[in-house]
Amino acid sequence: MPKNKTHSGMSKRVKVTGGGKLMRQQAGLRHRLEVKSSKETRDLSGVVPVNKADVKRVKKMLGR
């Protein structure tokens, strides 16, 4: 039986922490930045955990 391939697009978007948590970048920081407040830009710049509803699907795409 051949191995499953990791979904390359998902591996670029999601990183796995040492404890196995899936972390992703928040959306909305690519354009219209002059309109957004500095606070909004700072808040969007961090990484956040993947939504609980999506974890199973994302893990499958990462081959975990």
C-alpha atoms as a PDB file:
ATOM      1  CA  MET A   1       0.000   0.000   0.000  1.00  0.00           C
ATOM      2  CA  PRO A   2       1.515   3.398  -0.970  1.00  0.00           C
ATOM      3  CA  LYS A   3       1.971   6.158   1.569  1.00  0.00           C
ATOM      4  CA  ASN A   4      -0.455   9.081   1.677  1.00  0.00           C
ATOM      5  CA  LYS A   5       0.916  12.362   0.396  1.00  0.00           C
ATOM      6  CA  THR A   6       0.849  15.501   2.523  1.00  0.00           C
ATOM      7  CA  HIS A   7      -1.320  18.246   1.021  1.00  0.00           C
ATOM      8  CA  SER A   8       1.368  20.783   0.080  1.00  0.00           C
ATOM      9  CA  GLY A   9      -0.987  23.791   0.265  1.00  0.00           C
ATOM     10  CA  MET A  10      -2.057  22.877   3.802  1.00  0.00           C
ATOM     11  CA  SER A  11       1.516  22.271   4.964  1.00  0.00           C
ATOM     12  CA  LYS A  12       2.388  25.821   3.876  1.00  0.00           C
ATOM     13  CA  ARG A  13      -0.554  27.301   5.790  1.00  0.00           C
ATOM     14  CA  VAL A  14      -0.547  25.327   9.045  1.00  0.00           C
ATOM     15  CA  LYS A  15       2.300  24.606  11.450  1.00  0.00           C
ATOM     16  CA  VAL A  16       2.222  21.937  14.155  1.00  0.00           C
ATOM     17  CA  THR A  17       3.529  22.881  17.599  1.00  0.00           C
ATOM     18  CA  GLY A  18       5.585  20.598  19.792  1.00  0.00           C
ATOM     19  CA  GLY A  19       2.465  19.670  21.711  1.00  0.00           C
ATOM     20  CA  GLY A  20       0.602  18.781  18.523  1.00  0.00           C
ATOM     21  CA  LYS A  21      -1.533  21.908  18.278  1.00  0.00           C
ATOM     22  CA  LEU A  22      -2.300  23.236  14.781  1.00  0.00           C
ATOM     23  CA  MET A  23      -1.527  26.939  14.376  1.00  0.00           C
ATOM     24  CA  ARG A  24      -2.516  29.177  11.470  1.00  0.00           C
ATOM     25  CA  GLN A  25      -2.094  32.806  10.409  1.00  0.00           C
ATOM     26  CA  GLN A  26      -5.183  34.997  10.644  1.00  0.00           C
ATOM     27  CA  ALA A  27      -6.832  36.267   7.471  1.00  0.00           C
ATOM     28  CA  GLY A  28      -7.181  39.921   6.545  1.00  0.00           C
ATOM     29  CA  LEU A  29      -3.598  41.215   6.630  1.00  0.00           C
ATOM     30  CA  ARG A  30      -2.866  41.275   2.891  1.00  0.00           C
ATOM     31  CA  HIS A  31      -4.473  44.472   1.634  1.00  0.00           C
ATOM     32  CA  ARG A  32      -6.300  47.683   2.641  1.00  0.00           C
ATOM     33  CA  LEU A  33      -3.842  48.083   5.517  1.00  0.00           C
ATOM     34  CA  GLU A  34      -3.959  51.895   5.367  1.00  0.00           C
ATOM     35  CA  VAL A  35      -7.651  51.722   6.317  1.00  0.00           C
ATOM     36  CA  LYS A  36      -7.162  49.376   9.268  1.00  0.00           C
ATOM     37  CA  SER A  37      -6.166  50.701  12.653  1.00  0.00           C
ATOM     38  CA  SER A  38      -2.780  49.825  14.149  1.00  0.00           C
ATOM     39  CA  LYS A  39      -4.534  47.775  16.825  1.00  0.00           C
ATOM     40  CA  GLU A  40      -6.401  45.760  14.212  1.00  0.00           C
ATOM     41  CA  THR A  41      -3.168  45.142  12.285  1.00  0.00           C
ATOM     42  CA  ARG A  42      -1.376  44.003  15.449  1.00  0.00           C
ATOM     43  CA  ASP A  43      -4.229  41.703  16.420  1.00  0.00           C
ATOM     44  CA  LEU A  44      -4.262  40.090  12.973  1.00  0.00           C
ATOM     45  CA  SER A  45      -0.498  39.589  12.883  1.00  0.00           C
ATOM     46  CA  GLY A  46      -0.372  36.766  15.430  1.00  0.00           C
ATOM     47  CA  VAL A  47      -0.941  33.053  14.907  1.00  0.00           C
ATOM     48  CA  VAL A  48      -4.069  31.371  16.256  1.00  0.00           C
ATOM     49  CA  PRO A  49      -5.097  27.734  16.709  1.00  0.00           C
ATOM     50  CA  VAL A  50      -7.092  26.070  13.941  1.00  0.00           C
ATOM     51  CA  ASN A  51     -10.816  25.945  14.723  1.00  0.00           C
ATOM     52  CA  LYS A  52     -11.853  22.796  16.595  1.00  0.00           C
ATOM     53  CA  ALA A  53     -14.349  21.912  13.849  1.00  0.00           C
ATOM     54  CA  ASP A  54     -11.560  21.884  11.239  1.00  0.00           C
ATOM     55  CA  VAL A  55      -8.828  20.057  13.176  1.00  0.00           C
ATOM     56  CA  LYS A  56      -9.767  16.541  12.013  1.00  0.00           C
ATOM     57  CA  ARG A  57      -9.836  17.557   8.342  1.00  0.00           C
ATOM     58  CA  VAL A  58      -6.582  19.527   8.550  1.00  0.00           C
ATOM     59  CA  LYS A  59      -4.769  16.684  10.337  1.00  0.00           C
ATOM     60  CA  LYS A  60      -5.880  14.290   7.613  1.00  0.00           C
ATOM     61  CA  MET A  61      -4.503  16.637   4.952  1.00  0.00           C
ATOM     62  CA  LEU A  62      -1.202  16.819   6.821  1.00  0.00           C
ATOM     63  CA  GLY A  63      -0.998  13.044   7.048  1.00  0.00           C
ATOM     64  CA  ARG A  64      -1.300  12.935  10.850  1.00  0.00           C
END
